[in-house]
C-alpha atoms as a PDB file:
ATOM      1  CA  UNK A   1       9.718  -9.314  -5.480  1.00  0.00           C
ATOM      2  CA  UNK A   2       8.035  -6.252  -4.987  1.00  0.00           C
ATOM      3  CA  UNK A   3       5.780  -8.102  -2.428  1.00  0.00           C
ATOM      4  CA  UNK A   4       8.633  -9.607  -0.434  1.00  0.00           C
ATOM      5  CA  UNK A   5       9.926  -6.100   0.032  1.00  0.00           C
ATOM      6  CA  UNK A   6       6.730  -4.778   1.450  1.00  0.00           C
ATOM      7  CA  UNK A   7       6.722  -8.038   3.991  1.00  0.00           C
ATOM      8  CA  UNK A   8       9.993  -6.594   5.318  1.00  0.00           C
ATOM      9  CA  UNK A   9       8.530  -3.114   5.895  1.00  0.00           C
ATOM     10  CA  UNK A  10       5.272  -4.321   7.268  1.00  0.00           C
ATOM     11  CA  UNK A  11       6.593  -5.241  10.544  1.00  0.00           C
ATOM     12  CA  UNK A  12       4.720  -2.590  11.732  1.00  0.00           C
ATOM     13  CA  UNK A  13       1.395  -3.639  10.755  1.00  0.00           C
ATOM     14  CA  UNK A  14      -1.452  -3.696  13.290  1.00  0.00           C
ATOM     15  CA  UNK A  15      -3.071  -6.708  11.214  1.00  0.00           C
ATOM     16  CA  UNK A  16      -3.609  -8.200   7.811  1.00  0.00           C
ATOM     17  CA  UNK A  17      -5.571  -6.347   6.634  1.00  0.00           C
ATOM     18  CA  UNK A  18      -3.586  -3.170   6.897  1.00  0.00           C
ATOM     19  CA  UNK A  19      -0.710  -4.965   5.053  1.00  0.00           C
ATOM     20  CA  UNK A  20      -3.249  -5.943   2.055  1.00  0.00           C
ATOM     21  CA  UNK A  21      -4.364  -2.139   1.493  1.00  0.00           C
ATOM     22  CA  UNK A  22      -0.428  -1.448   1.993  1.00  0.00           C
ATOM     23  CA  UNK A  23      -0.048  -4.215  -1.080  1.00  0.00           C
ATOM     24  CA  UNK A  24      -3.129  -2.539  -3.190  1.00  0.00           C
ATOM     25  CA  UNK A  25      -1.649   0.634  -2.650  1.00  0.00           C
ATOM     26  CA  UNK A  26       2.028   0.131  -3.933  1.00  0.00           C
ATOM     27  CA  UNK A  27       1.142  -2.601  -6.377  1.00  0.00           C
ATOM     28  CA  UNK A  28      -2.109  -1.551  -7.779  1.00  0.00           C
ATOM     29  CA  UNK A  29      -0.660   2.423  -8.870  1.00  0.00           C
ATOM     30  CA  UNK A  30      -3.255   4.146  -6.625  1.00  0.00           C
ATOM     31  CA  UNK A  31      -3.128   7.494  -6.272  1.00  0.00           C
ATOM     32  CA  UNK A  32      -2.869   9.480  -3.214  1.00  0.00           C
ATOM     33  CA  UNK A  33      -5.439  12.255  -4.288  1.00  0.00           C
ATOM     34  CA  UNK A  34      -8.718  11.865  -4.525  1.00  0.00           C
ATOM     35  CA  UNK A  35     -10.333  11.589  -7.801  1.00  0.00           C
ATOM     36  CA  UNK A  36     -11.389  15.533  -9.325  1.00  0.00           C
ATOM     37  CA  UNK A  37      -8.326  16.886  -7.090  1.00  0.00           C
ATOM     38  CA  UNK A  38      -5.900  19.154  -9.214  1.00  0.00           C
ATOM     39  CA  UNK A  39      -2.225  19.622  -7.864  1.00  0.00           C
END
């Protein structure tokens, strides 16, 4: 699963909150750019 793949990459995260943020970012479809920013 995609979370398992993130778990393998997450070996360097300092704590569980950073790992949770990575899950939200990668699986939540979040955009790196702030709202109103044009590319």
